[in-house]
């Protein structure tokens, strides 16, 4: 049996976290290829359904990345994201998911190395958790 490789979906802010991911790539900073990046204008625009849908369809984890609090290009989008994710984690736990499958991190545009480190840490953490329980339940 091959080693489990997690599938992680990342919803990232255009102005900070996406720029950090781009910087990591242009700087040739190595990080696992397990993450699929979806660029949004702001972490505040991440609807809870955007997080639940990939998990229900078998993704092993979801990363939401945004500007540091106080630095949001849309004034308070990251505060909105933080409130939503706190509530969403409670809902996901009640559905049978480990809350550690969803990460919210603040990564500025100049933090390419931090982006790579967070992705690496998340992949390692998800490997410890194992595959998404929905994969077995729905035979995905």
N, C-alpha and C. Protein backbone atom coordinates (compact mmCIF):
# COMPACT_ATOMS: atom_id res chain seq x y z
N UNK A 1 0.85 -1.19 0.00
CA UNK A 1 0.00 0.00 0.00
C UNK A 1 0.88 1.24 0.00
N UNK A 2 0.57 2.19 -0.84
CA UNK A 2 1.37 3.41 -0.91
C UNK A 2 1.05 4.33 0.27
N UNK A 3 1.99 5.23 0.53
CA UNK A 3 1.82 6.16 1.63
C UNK A 3 0.72 7.17 1.29
N UNK A 4 -0.09 7.49 2.27
CA UNK A 4 -1.20 8.44 2.11
C UNK A 4 -0.66 9.84 1.80
N UNK A 5 -1.14 10.43 0.73
CA UNK A 5 -0.80 11.81 0.37
C UNK A 5 -2.07 12.64 0.40
N UNK A 6 -2.15 13.60 1.33
CA UNK A 6 -3.38 14.38 1.47
C UNK A 6 -3.65 15.30 0.28
N UNK A 7 -4.92 15.54 0.08
CA UNK A 7 -5.40 16.48 -0.93
C UNK A 7 -5.92 17.71 -0.17
N UNK A 8 -5.26 18.85 -0.34
CA UNK A 8 -5.62 20.06 0.39
C UNK A 8 -6.06 21.15 -0.58
N UNK A 9 -7.17 21.76 -0.27
CA UNK A 9 -7.69 22.89 -1.05
C UNK A 9 -7.37 24.16 -0.27
N UNK A 10 -6.79 25.15 -0.95
CA UNK A 10 -6.44 26.42 -0.29
C UNK A 10 -7.21 27.57 -0.93
N UNK A 11 -7.96 28.30 -0.12
CA UNK A 11 -8.63 29.52 -0.55
C UNK A 11 -7.77 30.67 -0.05
N UNK A 12 -7.19 31.41 -0.97
CA UNK A 12 -6.23 32.44 -0.57
C UNK A 12 -6.61 33.82 -1.08
N UNK A 13 -6.28 34.79 -0.27
CA UNK A 13 -6.49 36.20 -0.59
C UNK A 13 -5.57 36.61 -1.74
N UNK A 14 -6.11 37.31 -2.70
CA UNK A 14 -5.35 37.77 -3.86
C UNK A 14 -4.18 38.66 -3.46
N UNK A 15 -4.37 39.51 -2.49
CA UNK A 15 -3.40 40.56 -2.19
C UNK A 15 -2.25 40.11 -1.32
N UNK A 16 -2.46 39.14 -0.47
CA UNK A 16 -1.39 38.73 0.45
C UNK A 16 -0.99 37.28 0.26
N UNK A 17 -1.86 36.35 0.59
CA UNK A 17 -1.46 34.95 0.59
C UNK A 17 -1.15 34.43 -0.80
N UNK A 18 -1.91 34.85 -1.80
CA UNK A 18 -1.60 34.41 -3.17
C UNK A 18 -0.25 34.96 -3.60
N UNK A 19 0.02 36.20 -3.24
CA UNK A 19 1.32 36.80 -3.56
C UNK A 19 2.44 36.06 -2.83
N UNK A 20 2.19 35.61 -1.61
CA UNK A 20 3.19 34.84 -0.86
C UNK A 20 3.44 33.49 -1.54
N UNK A 21 2.38 32.85 -2.02
CA UNK A 21 2.53 31.58 -2.74
C UNK A 21 3.33 31.80 -4.02
N UNK A 22 3.05 32.89 -4.70
CA UNK A 22 3.78 33.24 -5.91
C UNK A 22 5.26 33.50 -5.59
N UNK A 23 5.51 34.22 -4.50
CA UNK A 23 6.88 34.49 -4.07
C UNK A 23 7.61 33.20 -3.73
N UNK A 24 6.93 32.27 -3.07
CA UNK A 24 7.54 30.98 -2.75
C UNK A 24 7.95 30.26 -4.04
N UNK A 25 7.09 30.34 -5.04
CA UNK A 25 7.40 29.69 -6.32
C UNK A 25 8.54 30.36 -7.06
N UNK A 26 8.51 31.68 -7.15
CA UNK A 26 9.58 32.38 -7.87
C UNK A 26 10.90 32.32 -7.13
N UNK A 27 10.84 32.16 -5.81
CA UNK A 27 12.07 32.03 -5.00
C UNK A 27 12.54 30.58 -4.93
N UNK A 28 11.79 29.68 -5.57
CA UNK A 28 12.11 28.25 -5.60
C UNK A 28 12.18 27.63 -4.20
N UNK A 29 11.28 28.09 -3.33
CA UNK A 29 11.17 27.51 -1.99
C UNK A 29 10.34 26.24 -2.11
N UNK A 30 10.89 25.14 -1.64
CA UNK A 30 10.24 23.84 -1.78
C UNK A 30 9.11 23.67 -0.75
N UNK A 31 7.98 23.18 -1.22
CA UNK A 31 6.90 22.76 -0.34
C UNK A 31 6.10 21.68 -1.05
N UNK A 32 5.37 20.87 -0.31
CA UNK A 32 4.67 19.73 -0.91
C UNK A 32 3.66 20.17 -1.98
N UNK A 33 3.50 19.37 -3.01
CA UNK A 33 2.57 19.70 -4.10
C UNK A 33 1.12 19.31 -3.80
N UNK A 34 0.81 19.05 -2.54
CA UNK A 34 -0.51 18.55 -2.16
C UNK A 34 -1.60 19.61 -2.16
N UNK A 35 -1.25 20.86 -2.30
CA UNK A 35 -2.22 21.94 -2.17
C UNK A 35 -2.67 22.44 -3.54
N UNK A 36 -3.98 22.62 -3.68
CA UNK A 36 -4.57 23.22 -4.87
C UNK A 36 -5.06 24.60 -4.48
N UNK A 37 -4.53 25.62 -5.11
CA UNK A 37 -4.82 27.00 -4.71
C UNK A 37 -5.98 27.57 -5.51
N UNK A 38 -6.92 28.17 -4.77
CA UNK A 38 -8.02 28.90 -5.38
C UNK A 38 -7.90 30.34 -4.90
N UNK A 39 -7.69 31.25 -5.83
CA UNK A 39 -7.48 32.65 -5.49
C UNK A 39 -8.81 33.39 -5.42
N UNK A 40 -9.01 34.06 -4.29
CA UNK A 40 -10.19 34.91 -4.08
C UNK A 40 -9.70 36.33 -3.79
N UNK A 41 -10.55 37.29 -3.91
CA UNK A 41 -10.12 38.66 -3.65
C UNK A 41 -9.83 38.90 -2.18
N UNK A 42 -10.53 38.21 -1.29
CA UNK A 42 -10.36 38.44 0.15
C UNK A 42 -10.74 37.18 0.92
N UNK A 43 -10.05 36.94 2.02
CA UNK A 43 -10.41 35.79 2.86
C UNK A 43 -11.82 35.95 3.43
N UNK A 44 -12.28 37.18 3.53
CA UNK A 44 -13.64 37.44 4.01
C UNK A 44 -14.71 36.96 3.04
N UNK A 45 -14.32 36.69 1.80
CA UNK A 45 -15.30 36.21 0.83
C UNK A 45 -15.41 34.68 0.81
N UNK A 46 -14.70 34.01 1.72
CA UNK A 46 -14.78 32.55 1.79
C UNK A 46 -16.07 32.18 2.52
N UNK A 47 -17.03 31.74 1.75
CA UNK A 47 -18.31 31.30 2.29
C UNK A 47 -18.09 29.94 2.96
N UNK A 48 -18.72 29.68 4.09
CA UNK A 48 -18.56 28.37 4.74
C UNK A 48 -18.85 27.18 3.81
N UNK A 49 -19.74 27.36 2.85
CA UNK A 49 -20.04 26.30 1.90
C UNK A 49 -18.81 25.97 1.07
N UNK A 50 -17.96 27.00 0.77
CA UNK A 50 -16.73 26.78 0.02
C UNK A 50 -15.80 25.82 0.77
N UNK A 51 -15.87 25.83 2.09
CA UNK A 51 -15.03 24.97 2.92
C UNK A 51 -15.67 23.60 3.08
N UNK A 52 -16.96 23.56 3.29
CA UNK A 52 -17.65 22.30 3.52
C UNK A 52 -17.69 21.41 2.28
N UNK A 53 -17.93 22.00 1.13
CA UNK A 53 -18.09 21.22 -0.10
C UNK A 53 -16.87 20.35 -0.42
N UNK A 54 -15.64 20.90 -0.41
CA UNK A 54 -14.50 20.01 -0.68
C UNK A 54 -14.34 18.90 0.36
N UNK A 55 -14.61 19.22 1.62
CA UNK A 55 -14.49 18.20 2.67
C UNK A 55 -15.53 17.11 2.46
N UNK A 56 -16.75 17.49 2.13
CA UNK A 56 -17.80 16.50 1.90
C UNK A 56 -17.54 15.68 0.65
N UNK A 57 -16.77 16.24 -0.29
CA UNK A 57 -16.45 15.53 -1.52
C UNK A 57 -15.12 14.78 -1.45
N UNK A 58 -14.48 14.78 -0.25
CA UNK A 58 -13.31 13.94 -0.08
C UNK A 58 -11.97 14.62 0.09
N UNK A 59 -11.90 15.95 0.01
CA UNK A 59 -10.62 16.63 0.26
C UNK A 59 -10.21 16.35 1.70
N UNK A 60 -8.93 16.24 1.94
CA UNK A 60 -8.44 15.90 3.28
C UNK A 60 -8.26 17.11 4.18
N UNK A 61 -8.18 18.30 3.61
CA UNK A 61 -8.02 19.50 4.42
C UNK A 61 -8.30 20.74 3.60
N UNK A 62 -8.56 21.84 4.30
CA UNK A 62 -8.80 23.13 3.66
C UNK A 62 -7.99 24.18 4.40
N UNK A 63 -7.26 24.98 3.62
CA UNK A 63 -6.48 26.08 4.15
C UNK A 63 -7.10 27.38 3.66
N UNK A 64 -7.33 28.31 4.59
CA UNK A 64 -7.79 29.64 4.22
C UNK A 64 -6.67 30.59 4.60
N UNK A 65 -6.20 31.35 3.63
CA UNK A 65 -5.10 32.29 3.87
C UNK A 65 -5.53 33.71 3.57
N UNK A 66 -5.15 34.62 4.46
CA UNK A 66 -5.53 36.01 4.26
C UNK A 66 -4.48 36.96 4.79
N UNK A 67 -4.75 38.24 4.63
CA UNK A 67 -3.88 39.30 5.14
C UNK A 67 -3.87 39.26 6.67
N UNK A 68 -2.81 39.77 7.25
CA UNK A 68 -2.75 39.87 8.71
C UNK A 68 -3.85 40.80 9.21
N UNK A 69 -4.44 40.52 10.39
CA UNK A 69 -5.47 41.42 10.92
C UNK A 69 -4.96 42.86 10.98
N UNK A 70 -5.80 43.75 10.51
CA UNK A 70 -5.43 45.16 10.46
C UNK A 70 -4.82 45.56 9.13
N UNK A 71 -4.45 44.59 8.29
CA UNK A 71 -3.82 44.88 7.00
C UNK A 71 -4.69 44.51 5.80
N UNK A 72 -5.94 44.16 6.05
CA UNK A 72 -6.84 43.72 4.97
C UNK A 72 -7.05 44.85 3.97
N UNK A 73 -6.95 44.52 2.71
CA UNK A 73 -7.19 45.49 1.65
C UNK A 73 -8.66 45.91 1.56
N UNK A 74 -9.51 45.16 2.21
CA UNK A 74 -10.94 45.48 2.25
C UNK A 74 -11.36 45.82 3.68
N UNK A 75 -10.46 46.36 4.45
CA UNK A 75 -10.63 46.87 5.80
C UNK A 75 -10.83 45.78 6.86
N UNK A 76 -11.87 44.97 6.74
CA UNK A 76 -12.15 44.02 7.83
C UNK A 76 -12.51 42.62 7.33
N UNK A 77 -12.13 42.29 6.12
CA UNK A 77 -12.47 40.98 5.57
C UNK A 77 -11.89 39.83 6.37
N UNK A 78 -10.66 39.99 6.86
CA UNK A 78 -10.05 38.89 7.60
C UNK A 78 -10.72 38.67 8.96
N UNK A 79 -11.25 39.72 9.55
CA UNK A 79 -12.01 39.56 10.80
C UNK A 79 -13.29 38.76 10.54
N UNK A 80 -13.91 39.06 9.41
CA UNK A 80 -15.12 38.33 9.01
C UNK A 80 -14.80 36.84 8.79
N UNK A 81 -13.67 36.58 8.13
CA UNK A 81 -13.24 35.20 7.90
C UNK A 81 -12.99 34.48 9.22
N UNK A 82 -12.33 35.16 10.15
CA UNK A 82 -12.02 34.54 11.44
C UNK A 82 -13.29 34.14 12.17
N UNK A 83 -14.30 35.03 12.19
CA UNK A 83 -15.57 34.71 12.86
C UNK A 83 -16.25 33.52 12.21
N UNK A 84 -16.27 33.51 10.87
CA UNK A 84 -16.93 32.42 10.16
C UNK A 84 -16.26 31.07 10.42
N UNK A 85 -14.94 31.07 10.42
CA UNK A 85 -14.22 29.80 10.56
C UNK A 85 -14.36 29.23 11.96
N UNK A 86 -14.41 30.08 12.98
CA UNK A 86 -14.61 29.60 14.35
C UNK A 86 -15.94 28.85 14.44
N UNK A 87 -16.98 29.43 13.88
CA UNK A 87 -18.30 28.79 13.91
C UNK A 87 -18.30 27.54 13.03
N UNK A 88 -17.68 27.62 11.87
CA UNK A 88 -17.65 26.49 10.94
C UNK A 88 -16.93 25.29 11.54
N UNK A 89 -15.86 25.51 12.27
CA UNK A 89 -15.13 24.40 12.88
C UNK A 89 -16.02 23.64 13.87
N UNK A 90 -16.85 24.36 14.61
CA UNK A 90 -17.79 23.72 15.53
C UNK A 90 -18.79 22.86 14.76
N UNK A 91 -19.30 23.39 13.67
CA UNK A 91 -20.24 22.64 12.84
C UNK A 91 -19.58 21.39 12.28
N UNK A 92 -18.35 21.54 11.76
CA UNK A 92 -17.66 20.39 11.18
C UNK A 92 -17.38 19.30 12.23
N UNK A 93 -17.02 19.72 13.45
CA UNK A 93 -16.80 18.74 14.52
C UNK A 93 -18.07 17.96 14.80
N UNK A 94 -19.22 18.63 14.77
CA UNK A 94 -20.50 17.96 15.00
C UNK A 94 -20.86 17.02 13.85
N UNK A 95 -20.28 17.27 12.67
CA UNK A 95 -20.50 16.39 11.52
C UNK A 95 -19.53 15.21 11.48
N UNK A 96 -18.55 15.21 12.40
CA UNK A 96 -17.61 14.09 12.46
C UNK A 96 -16.23 14.37 11.90
N UNK A 97 -15.94 15.61 11.54
CA UNK A 97 -14.63 15.98 11.04
C UNK A 97 -13.76 16.50 12.19
N UNK A 98 -12.47 16.24 12.12
CA UNK A 98 -11.54 16.84 13.07
C UNK A 98 -11.41 18.32 12.71
N UNK A 99 -11.45 19.20 13.71
CA UNK A 99 -11.37 20.63 13.42
C UNK A 99 -10.02 21.01 12.83
N UNK A 100 -9.01 20.17 13.03
CA UNK A 100 -7.67 20.46 12.52
C UNK A 100 -7.54 20.21 11.01
N UNK A 101 -8.62 19.82 10.37
CA UNK A 101 -8.61 19.68 8.91
C UNK A 101 -8.81 21.03 8.23
N UNK A 102 -9.21 22.04 8.99
CA UNK A 102 -9.41 23.38 8.44
C UNK A 102 -8.47 24.34 9.16
N UNK A 103 -7.62 25.00 8.40
CA UNK A 103 -6.67 25.96 8.96
C UNK A 103 -6.95 27.34 8.40
N UNK A 104 -6.88 28.33 9.27
CA UNK A 104 -6.95 29.74 8.88
C UNK A 104 -5.62 30.37 9.28
N UNK A 105 -4.91 30.91 8.30
CA UNK A 105 -3.60 31.49 8.57
C UNK A 105 -3.47 32.86 7.90
N UNK A 106 -2.77 33.74 8.58
CA UNK A 106 -2.50 35.08 8.06
C UNK A 106 -1.09 35.07 7.47
N UNK A 107 -0.99 35.32 6.17
CA UNK A 107 0.30 35.27 5.47
C UNK A 107 0.37 36.49 4.56
N UNK A 108 1.34 37.38 4.82
CA UNK A 108 1.46 38.58 4.00
C UNK A 108 2.21 38.27 2.71
N UNK A 109 2.18 39.21 1.78
CA UNK A 109 2.77 39.03 0.46
C UNK A 109 4.27 38.76 0.51
N UNK A 110 4.94 39.24 1.53
CA UNK A 110 6.39 39.07 1.62
C UNK A 110 6.80 37.79 2.35
N UNK A 111 5.83 36.96 2.72
CA UNK A 111 6.11 35.77 3.52
C UNK A 111 6.02 34.48 2.70
N UNK A 112 6.77 34.42 1.62
CA UNK A 112 6.80 33.21 0.80
C UNK A 112 7.30 32.01 1.57
N UNK A 113 8.33 32.23 2.38
CA UNK A 113 8.89 31.14 3.19
C UNK A 113 7.86 30.66 4.22
N UNK A 114 7.11 31.60 4.80
CA UNK A 114 6.07 31.24 5.77
C UNK A 114 4.96 30.43 5.08
N UNK A 115 4.58 30.82 3.87
CA UNK A 115 3.57 30.06 3.13
C UNK A 115 4.02 28.62 2.94
N UNK A 116 5.25 28.45 2.48
CA UNK A 116 5.78 27.10 2.26
C UNK A 116 5.81 26.31 3.57
N UNK A 117 6.18 26.96 4.66
CA UNK A 117 6.22 26.29 5.96
C UNK A 117 4.85 25.87 6.44
N UNK A 118 3.85 26.73 6.23
CA UNK A 118 2.48 26.42 6.65
C UNK A 118 1.93 25.25 5.84
N UNK A 119 2.17 25.26 4.53
CA UNK A 119 1.70 24.14 3.69
C UNK A 119 2.38 22.84 4.13
N UNK A 120 3.67 22.89 4.39
CA UNK A 120 4.40 21.71 4.83
C UNK A 120 3.86 21.20 6.16
N UNK A 121 3.63 22.12 7.11
CA UNK A 121 3.08 21.74 8.41
C UNK A 121 1.68 21.14 8.27
N UNK A 122 0.88 21.73 7.40
CA UNK A 122 -0.49 21.23 7.24
C UNK A 122 -0.48 19.83 6.62
N UNK A 123 0.36 19.62 5.62
CA UNK A 123 0.45 18.30 5.00
C UNK A 123 0.88 17.27 6.05
N UNK A 124 1.89 17.60 6.85
CA UNK A 124 2.35 16.68 7.91
C UNK A 124 1.23 16.40 8.91
N UNK A 125 0.49 17.43 9.29
CA UNK A 125 -0.60 17.28 10.25
C UNK A 125 -1.72 16.40 9.69
N UNK A 126 -2.08 16.63 8.45
CA UNK A 126 -3.15 15.85 7.81
C UNK A 126 -2.71 14.39 7.65
N UNK A 127 -1.43 14.17 7.37
CA UNK A 127 -0.93 12.79 7.27
C UNK A 127 -1.13 12.06 8.60
N UNK A 128 -0.93 12.77 9.71
CA UNK A 128 -1.14 12.16 11.03
C UNK A 128 -2.62 11.87 11.28
N UNK A 129 -3.49 12.76 10.80
CA UNK A 129 -4.94 12.55 10.96
C UNK A 129 -5.44 11.40 10.09
N UNK A 130 -4.81 11.23 8.95
CA UNK A 130 -5.24 10.19 8.01
C UNK A 130 -6.23 10.73 7.00
N UNK A 131 -6.70 9.88 6.12
CA UNK A 131 -7.63 10.32 5.07
C UNK A 131 -8.94 10.87 5.64
N UNK A 132 -9.57 11.69 4.86
CA UNK A 132 -10.87 12.26 5.21
C UNK A 132 -11.85 11.11 5.49
N UNK A 133 -12.56 11.15 6.62
CA UNK A 133 -13.50 10.07 6.93
C UNK A 133 -14.62 9.93 5.89
N UNK A 134 -14.90 10.97 5.14
CA UNK A 134 -15.94 10.89 4.11
C UNK A 134 -15.54 9.98 2.97
N UNK A 135 -14.24 9.81 2.75
CA UNK A 135 -13.78 8.93 1.67
C UNK A 135 -14.25 7.50 1.91
N UNK A 136 -14.17 7.04 3.15
CA UNK A 136 -14.62 5.68 3.47
C UNK A 136 -16.14 5.60 3.49
N UNK A 137 -16.76 6.64 4.05
CA UNK A 137 -18.21 6.63 4.20
C UNK A 137 -18.91 6.59 2.83
N UNK A 138 -18.39 7.34 1.87
CA UNK A 138 -19.01 7.44 0.56
C UNK A 138 -18.23 6.68 -0.51
N UNK A 139 -17.19 5.94 -0.10
CA UNK A 139 -16.37 5.17 -1.02
C UNK A 139 -15.83 6.03 -2.14
N UNK A 140 -15.22 7.18 -1.76
CA UNK A 140 -14.67 8.12 -2.74
C UNK A 140 -13.28 7.73 -3.17
